[in-house]
């Protein structure tokens, strides 16, 4: 088991996070994120990657909680809708293809994602 630098989440809103929410990720003190950094959300059907926007000092970043979309991917012969809900994890990675010890930069952080309200 490899330990990675810490990752924290700052939710500035008073509402619970839902798919599509913007979240602010903060890395351990003194750490600077590389320019090519991605947020990976490990799920049972494989990781979902979201782009991040780095702060000017590279010590924090914004990303979006993955939302359910019409885009589908194959997993175990079935079509699964992408998105996250419930208690999920996010890690910061160097790429947007795999989540391995060689790819992870920081994390995980635990995120509680609620249901999007129905219209």
C-alpha atoms as a PDB file:
ATOM      1  CA  UNK A   1       0.000   0.000   0.000  1.00  0.00           C
ATOM      2  CA  UNK A   2       1.494   3.307  -1.102  1.00  0.00           C
ATOM      3  CA  UNK A   3       0.746   6.566   0.699  1.00  0.00           C
ATOM      4  CA  UNK A   4       0.038   9.639  -1.442  1.00  0.00           C
ATOM      5  CA  UNK A   5       0.053  13.320  -0.505  1.00  0.00           C
ATOM      6  CA  UNK A   6      -3.151  14.521   1.115  1.00  0.00           C
ATOM      7  CA  UNK A   7      -6.097  15.914  -0.817  1.00  0.00           C
ATOM      8  CA  UNK A   8      -8.882  17.986   0.746  1.00  0.00           C
ATOM      9  CA  UNK A   9     -12.141  19.335  -0.627  1.00  0.00           C
ATOM     10  CA  UNK A  10     -13.560  22.746   0.125  1.00  0.00           C
ATOM     11  CA  UNK A  11     -17.280  22.959  -0.613  1.00  0.00           C
ATOM     12  CA  UNK A  12     -18.090  26.644  -0.442  1.00  0.00           C
ATOM     13  CA  UNK A  13     -21.827  26.182  -0.854  1.00  0.00           C
ATOM     14  CA  UNK A  14     -24.208  25.254   1.918  1.00  0.00           C
ATOM     15  CA  UNK A  15     -25.995  22.776  -0.355  1.00  0.00           C
ATOM     16  CA  UNK A  16     -24.839  19.176  -0.677  1.00  0.00           C
ATOM     17  CA  UNK A  17     -22.787  18.358  -3.748  1.00  0.00           C
ATOM     18  CA  UNK A  18     -24.599  16.900  -6.737  1.00  0.00           C
ATOM     19  CA  UNK A  19     -23.409  15.704 -10.128  1.00  0.00           C
ATOM     20  CA  UNK A  20     -22.297  18.751 -12.111  1.00  0.00           C
ATOM     21  CA  UNK A  21     -21.221  20.711  -8.990  1.00  0.00           C
ATOM     22  CA  UNK A  22     -17.881  22.513  -9.026  1.00  0.00           C
ATOM     23  CA  UNK A  23     -15.528  21.485  -6.204  1.00  0.00           C
ATOM     24  CA  UNK A  24     -12.278  22.981  -4.993  1.00  0.00           C
ATOM     25  CA  UNK A  25      -9.435  20.515  -4.308  1.00  0.00           C
ATOM     26  CA  UNK A  26      -6.486  21.457  -2.096  1.00  0.00           C
ATOM     27  CA  UNK A  27      -3.242  19.449  -1.967  1.00  0.00           C
ATOM     28  CA  UNK A  28      -0.826  19.016   0.951  1.00  0.00           C
ATOM     29  CA  UNK A  29       1.163  22.075   2.013  1.00  0.00           C
ATOM     30  CA  UNK A  30       4.189  22.756  -0.159  1.00  0.00           C
ATOM     31  CA  UNK A  31       3.037  20.540  -3.022  1.00  0.00           C
ATOM     32  CA  UNK A  32       2.651  22.008  -6.519  1.00  0.00           C
ATOM     33  CA  UNK A  33       0.492  20.210  -9.084  1.00  0.00           C
ATOM     34  CA  UNK A  34       1.831  19.601 -12.596  1.00  0.00           C
ATOM     35  CA  UNK A  35       0.182  21.531 -15.444  1.00  0.00           C
ATOM     36  CA  UNK A  36      -1.369  18.320 -16.794  1.00  0.00           C
ATOM     37  CA  UNK A  37      -3.460  17.176 -13.855  1.00  0.00           C
ATOM     38  CA  UNK A  38      -6.777  15.309 -13.986  1.00  0.00           C
ATOM     39  CA  UNK A  39      -9.359  14.293 -11.393  1.00  0.00           C
ATOM     40  CA  UNK A  40     -10.143  10.575 -11.424  1.00  0.00           C
ATOM     41  CA  UNK A  41     -13.297   9.175  -9.861  1.00  0.00           C
ATOM     42  CA  UNK A  42     -12.852   5.397  -9.398  1.00  0.00           C
ATOM     43  CA  UNK A  43     -16.118   3.482  -9.908  1.00  0.00           C
ATOM     44  CA  UNK A  44     -17.051  -0.176 -10.149  1.00  0.00           C
ATOM     45  CA  UNK A  45     -17.227   0.155 -13.954  1.00  0.00           C
ATOM     46  CA  UNK A  46     -13.870   1.927 -14.195  1.00  0.00           C
ATOM     47  CA  UNK A  47     -12.593   5.420 -13.510  1.00  0.00           C
ATOM     48  CA  UNK A  48     -14.295   8.578 -14.760  1.00  0.00           C
ATOM     49  CA  UNK A  49     -11.917  11.467 -15.465  1.00  0.00           C
ATOM     50  CA  UNK A  50     -12.719  15.166 -15.252  1.00  0.00           C
ATOM     51  CA  UNK A  51     -10.568  18.098 -16.279  1.00  0.00           C
ATOM     52  CA  UNK A  52      -9.138  20.373 -13.589  1.00  0.00           C
ATOM     53  CA  UNK A  53      -8.364  24.069 -13.617  1.00  0.00           C
ATOM     54  CA  UNK A  54      -5.258  24.795 -11.550  1.00  0.00           C
ATOM     55  CA  UNK A  55      -4.910  27.794  -9.277  1.00  0.00           C
ATOM     56  CA  UNK A  56      -2.147  30.257 -10.132  1.00  0.00           C
ATOM     57  CA  UNK A  57       0.145  28.826  -7.431  1.00  0.00           C
ATOM     58  CA  UNK A  58      -0.567  25.202  -8.467  1.00  0.00           C
ATOM     59  CA  UNK A  59      -1.505  24.156  -4.939  1.00  0.00           C
ATOM     60  CA  UNK A  60      -5.224  23.767  -5.588  1.00  0.00           C
ATOM     61  CA  UNK A  61      -7.616  23.099  -8.435  1.00  0.00           C
ATOM     62  CA  UNK A  62     -11.270  23.230  -9.480  1.00  0.00           C
ATOM     63  CA  UNK A  63     -13.090  20.305 -11.062  1.00  0.00           C
ATOM     64  CA  UNK A  64     -16.646  19.166 -11.694  1.00  0.00           C
ATOM     65  CA  UNK A  65     -18.392  16.198 -10.087  1.00  0.00           C
ATOM     66  CA  UNK A  66     -19.119  13.823 -13.001  1.00  0.00           C
ATOM     67  CA  UNK A  67     -22.725  13.901 -14.111  1.00  0.00           C
ATOM     68  CA  UNK A  68     -24.877  11.234 -15.665  1.00  0.00           C
ATOM     69  CA  UNK A  69     -24.874  11.707 -19.410  1.00  0.00           C
ATOM     70  CA  UNK A  70     -26.139  10.045 -22.546  1.00  0.00           C
ATOM     71  CA  UNK A  71     -22.571   8.920 -23.242  1.00  0.00           C
ATOM     72  CA  UNK A  72     -22.234   5.223 -22.462  1.00  0.00           C
ATOM     73  CA  UNK A  73     -19.296   2.860 -22.300  1.00  0.00           C
ATOM     74  CA  UNK A  74     -18.998  -0.901 -22.399  1.00  0.00           C
ATOM     75  CA  UNK A  75     -18.229  -2.818 -19.218  1.00  0.00           C
ATOM     76  CA  UNK A  76     -18.702  -6.535 -18.807  1.00  0.00           C
ATOM     77  CA  UNK A  77     -20.936  -6.699 -21.867  1.00  0.00           C
ATOM     78  CA  UNK A  78     -23.410  -4.104 -20.610  1.00  0.00           C
ATOM     79  CA  UNK A  79     -23.938  -0.392 -21.187  1.00  0.00           C
ATOM     80  CA  UNK A  80     -23.530   1.640 -18.007  1.00  0.00           C
ATOM     81  CA  UNK A  81     -24.357   5.313 -17.691  1.00  0.00           C
ATOM     82  CA  UNK A  82     -21.455   7.416 -16.464  1.00  0.00           C
ATOM     83  CA  UNK A  83     -21.762   9.532 -13.335  1.00  0.00           C
ATOM     84  CA  UNK A  84     -21.277   9.241  -9.585  1.00  0.00           C
ATOM     85  CA  UNK A  85     -23.631   9.198  -6.622  1.00  0.00           C
ATOM     86  CA  UNK A  86     -23.355   8.490  -2.903  1.00  0.00           C
ATOM     87  CA  UNK A  87     -19.996   8.271  -1.127  1.00  0.00           C
ATOM     88  CA  UNK A  88     -17.299   8.417  -3.801  1.00  0.00           C
ATOM     89  CA  UNK A  89     -13.572   9.015  -3.981  1.00  0.00           C
ATOM     90  CA  UNK A  90     -11.520  11.406  -6.085  1.00  0.00           C
ATOM     91  CA  UNK A  91      -7.769  11.346  -6.714  1.00  0.00           C
ATOM     92  CA  UNK A  92      -5.575  13.639  -8.777  1.00  0.00           C
ATOM     93  CA  UNK A  93      -3.629  11.941 -11.560  1.00  0.00           C
ATOM     94  CA  UNK A  94      -0.978  12.723 -14.188  1.00  0.00           C
ATOM     95  CA  UNK A  95      -3.132  11.380 -17.021  1.00  0.00           C
ATOM     96  CA  UNK A  96      -6.668  10.543 -18.002  1.00  0.00           C
ATOM     97  CA  UNK A  97      -6.254   6.897 -18.979  1.00  0.00           C
ATOM     98  CA  UNK A  98      -5.548   4.827 -15.875  1.00  0.00           C
ATOM     99  CA  UNK A  99      -5.511   5.091 -12.096  1.00  0.00           C
ATOM    100  CA  UNK A 100      -2.399   3.302 -10.831  1.00  0.00           C
ATOM    101  CA  UNK A 101       0.242   4.083  -8.214  1.00  0.00           C
ATOM    102  CA  UNK A 102       2.382   5.537 -11.009  1.00  0.00           C
ATOM    103  CA  UNK A 103      -0.436   7.879 -12.112  1.00  0.00           C
ATOM    104  CA  UNK A 104      -1.779   9.175  -8.781  1.00  0.00           C
ATOM    105  CA  UNK A 105      -0.452  12.549  -7.619  1.00  0.00           C
ATOM    106  CA  UNK A 106      -2.605  13.093  -4.498  1.00  0.00           C
ATOM    107  CA  UNK A 107      -5.585  11.681  -2.682  1.00  0.00           C
ATOM    108  CA  UNK A 108      -7.968  10.118  -2.198  1.00  0.00           C
ATOM    109  CA  UNK A 109     -10.543  12.528  -0.846  1.00  0.00           C
ATOM    110  CA  UNK A 110     -14.026  11.344   0.075  1.00  0.00           C
ATOM    111  CA  UNK A 111     -16.933  13.149  -1.578  1.00  0.00           C
ATOM    112  CA  UNK A 112     -20.612  12.764  -0.667  1.00  0.00           C
ATOM    113  CA  UNK A 113     -22.685  13.261  -3.827  1.00  0.00           C
ATOM    114  CA  UNK A 114     -26.461  13.581  -3.526  1.00  0.00           C
ATOM    115  CA  UNK A 115     -29.220  13.060  -6.068  1.00  0.00           C
ATOM    116  CA  UNK A 116     -29.963  15.836  -8.515  1.00  0.00           C
ATOM    117  CA  UNK A 117     -33.427  17.195  -7.773  1.00  0.00           C
ATOM    118  CA  UNK A 118     -36.066  16.200 -10.287  1.00  0.00           C
ATOM    119  CA  UNK A 119     -37.855  19.014 -12.141  1.00  0.00           C
END
